Protein backbone atom coordinates (compact mmCIF):
# COMPACT_ATOMS: atom_id res chain seq x y z
CA MET A 1 166.19 51.89 11.86
CA PRO A 2 166.23 47.91 10.87
CA LYS A 3 165.61 45.16 13.33
CA PRO A 4 168.42 42.44 13.44
CA ILE A 5 167.67 39.57 12.12
CA LEU A 6 169.92 37.13 15.18
CA LYS A 7 169.55 37.94 18.44
CA GLN A 8 173.42 38.28 19.75
CA PRO A 9 173.54 35.61 22.49
CA LYS A 10 174.65 37.03 26.03
CA ASN A 11 175.98 33.82 26.98
CA TYR A 12 176.47 30.07 26.02
CA GLU A 13 173.78 29.04 28.63
CA ASN A 14 170.81 29.76 26.49
CA THR A 15 171.64 27.54 23.27
CA ALA A 16 168.30 28.07 21.52
CA ASP A 17 169.89 31.84 20.88
CA VAL A 18 172.88 29.94 18.94
CA LEU A 19 172.45 28.60 15.38
CA SER A 20 173.47 25.28 15.10
CA ALA A 21 175.76 25.38 12.11
CA THR A 22 175.25 21.29 11.38
CA TYR A 23 171.38 22.76 10.55
CA GLN A 24 169.53 19.69 13.18
CA SER A 25 167.74 22.53 15.13
CA GLU A 26 164.75 22.71 12.63
CA SER A 27 162.29 20.20 11.37
CA ARG A 28 160.93 21.84 7.97
CA ASN A 29 162.84 22.06 4.66
CA GLU A 30 162.63 25.89 4.30
CA ASN A 31 163.50 26.71 7.71
CA ILE A 32 166.66 24.72 7.32
CA HIS A 33 167.38 26.43 4.40
CA MET A 34 166.69 29.50 5.72
CA ASN A 35 169.08 28.74 8.45
CA LYS A 36 172.06 27.54 6.44
CA MET A 37 171.58 30.82 4.53
CA LYS A 38 172.20 33.23 8.30
CA VAL A 39 175.37 30.69 8.66
CA ASP A 40 176.74 30.90 5.95
CA ARG A 41 176.36 34.74 5.71
CA LEU A 42 178.10 34.84 9.17
CA LEU A 43 180.67 32.68 8.00
CA ARG A 44 181.50 35.23 5.37
CA LYS A 45 182.12 38.08 7.82
CA LYS A 46 185.65 39.64 7.64
CA ARG A 47 187.22 37.85 10.68
CA SER A 48 188.43 40.00 13.77
CA PRO A 49 192.14 40.81 14.50
CA GLU A 50 192.64 38.72 17.48
CA TYR A 51 191.20 35.74 15.48
CA MET A 52 194.07 36.12 12.58
CA SER A 53 197.07 37.07 15.26
CA ILE A 54 196.43 33.64 17.02
CA LEU A 55 195.78 31.42 14.06
CA HIS A 56 199.10 33.40 12.31
CA LYS A 57 200.98 32.29 15.20
CA LEU A 58 200.62 28.57 14.26
CA ASP A 59 203.60 28.25 12.37
CA ALA A 60 205.99 29.05 15.04
CA GLY A 61 205.41 25.52 16.39
CA GLY A 62 205.51 24.45 19.76
CA HIS A 63 201.74 24.80 20.23
CA ALA A 64 201.77 21.14 19.26
CA HIS A 65 202.68 20.27 22.05
CA ASN A 66 201.06 22.58 24.52
CA GLN A 67 197.27 21.63 25.40
CA ASN A 68 197.15 25.22 27.66
CA LYS A 69 198.01 27.06 23.95
CA VAL A 70 195.88 24.86 21.85
CA ASN A 71 192.85 25.35 24.01
CA GLU A 72 193.22 29.22 23.84
CA ILE A 73 193.28 29.21 20.57
CA ILE A 74 189.90 26.42 20.26
CA GLU A 75 188.11 29.29 22.38
CA THR A 76 189.48 32.52 20.45
CA ILE A 77 187.68 30.25 17.37
CA ARG A 78 184.45 29.81 18.93
CA ASN A 79 184.39 33.49 20.10
CA GLU A 80 184.88 34.20 16.67
CA PHE A 81 181.63 32.89 16.09
CA PRO A 82 179.16 33.15 19.13
CA GLU A 83 176.21 32.98 16.93
CA ILE A 84 177.25 29.91 15.11
CA ASP A 85 178.00 26.12 16.87
CA VAL A 86 180.68 25.09 13.98
CA THR A 87 181.07 21.96 15.56
CA GLY A 88 180.91 18.97 13.66
CA VAL A 89 180.99 21.33 10.05
CA LEU A 90 184.44 23.43 10.81
CA LEU A 91 187.31 20.32 10.10
CA GLY A 92 189.92 22.46 10.45
CA TYR A 93 192.84 24.75 9.13
CA VAL A 94 195.11 24.30 6.83
CA SER A 95 198.26 26.90 5.99
CA ARG A 96 201.85 27.26 4.40
CA CYS A 97 204.34 25.99 6.38
CA TYR A 98 207.61 28.12 7.14
CA LEU A 99 209.66 26.21 9.44
CA GLY A 100 211.59 24.93 6.37
CA ASP A 101 212.53 21.92 4.18
CA PRO A 102 210.95 19.27 4.72
CA TYR A 103 207.87 21.06 6.14
CA GLU A 104 205.01 22.10 3.67
CA VAL A 105 201.91 22.57 5.36
CA HIS A 106 200.44 22.70 8.90
CA THR A 107 196.98 22.17 10.10
CA LEU A 108 194.72 22.27 13.30
CA ASP A 109 192.47 19.48 13.32
CA PHE A 110 189.14 21.55 14.94
CA SER A 111 187.55 17.81 16.06
CA GLY A 112 190.86 16.42 17.40
CA GLN A 113 191.78 19.94 18.46
CA ILE A 114 195.41 19.39 17.30
CA ILE A 115 198.06 21.13 15.39
CA GLU A 116 200.78 19.54 13.03
CA HIS A 117 203.11 20.17 10.77
CA TYR A 118 203.27 17.63 7.76
CA LYS A 119 206.37 17.37 5.32
CA ARG A 120 205.68 17.45 1.30
CA GLY A 121 203.82 14.26 0.31
CA GLN A 122 202.38 13.40 3.65
CA GLY A 123 198.27 13.00 3.87
CA LEU A 124 196.60 15.42 5.87
CA PRO A 125 194.22 14.01 7.81
CA ALA A 126 190.15 14.28 8.29
CA GLY A 127 189.06 16.24 4.81
CA LEU A 128 191.50 18.62 5.29
CA GLU A 129 193.87 17.31 1.99
CA LYS A 130 191.28 19.41 -0.02
CA ALA A 131 192.83 22.61 1.33
CA ARG A 132 196.21 21.58 0.73
CA SER A 133 196.96 22.99 -3.20
CA ILE A 134 195.24 26.51 -2.19
CA ALA A 135 197.10 26.79 0.92
CA LEU A 136 200.08 26.24 -1.37
CA ARG A 137 199.34 28.55 -4.40
CA GLY A 138 199.76 31.35 -1.21
CA GLY A 139 197.97 34.31 -1.24
CA TYR A 140 196.13 33.58 1.78
CA GLU A 141 197.10 33.32 5.29
CA PHE A 142 194.99 30.06 6.42
CA ILE A 143 192.54 28.53 4.66
CA GLU A 144 189.44 27.31 6.69
CA VAL A 145 187.93 23.93 5.57
CA TYR A 146 184.44 23.02 6.11
CA ILE A 147 182.28 19.71 5.33
CA ASP A 148 181.19 21.31 2.06
CA CYS A 149 183.60 24.20 0.97
CA CYS A 150 186.82 25.65 2.10
CA ARG A 151 186.96 29.30 2.91
CA ALA A 152 190.36 31.13 2.14
CA VAL A 153 191.13 33.93 4.52
CA SER A 154 193.30 37.06 3.57
CA SER A 155 195.99 38.66 5.36
CA ASP A 156 193.34 41.69 6.35
CA GLY A 157 190.60 39.43 7.22
CA THR A 158 188.30 39.24 3.85
CA VAL A 159 187.00 35.76 3.76
CA SER A 160 187.00 33.97 0.17
CA VAL A 161 184.32 30.92 -0.25
CA ILE A 162 186.07 28.04 -2.73
CA ALA A 163 183.82 25.20 -3.43
CA CYS A 164 185.61 21.84 -2.61
């Protein structure tokens, strides 16, 4: 039976078992490259139904002014990637907004933990603008925006990596 490459962390107290998506934990270049490859492989995995469900509910509105709901969403995101610390690498989420005219897209800014709906032509913050056209084109439930790429997530949870 194959031996697993990565250990599943039993808790968050032992951060040595958690890969840092910022790639700063390793000092040698080959270790950094290998660590980045592991992180990329983990981020390509199909997303869970719970993760898909909670992010799909962002369009309903109301979450923007309810910090408990925002905290619940952030916790679900962290639980989706227990082996990785996405802080500093995951900028946020962009999705088509169905609240109606004049709203076009909505976002979840991961660093600021803010959910906001944006009108047509209104600029998106913190590097999220690069995902607007992908979200508006359709075909994906939402776009995960990272510092180095976008990951478009389909309704079945499959992930497509898009260079930005």
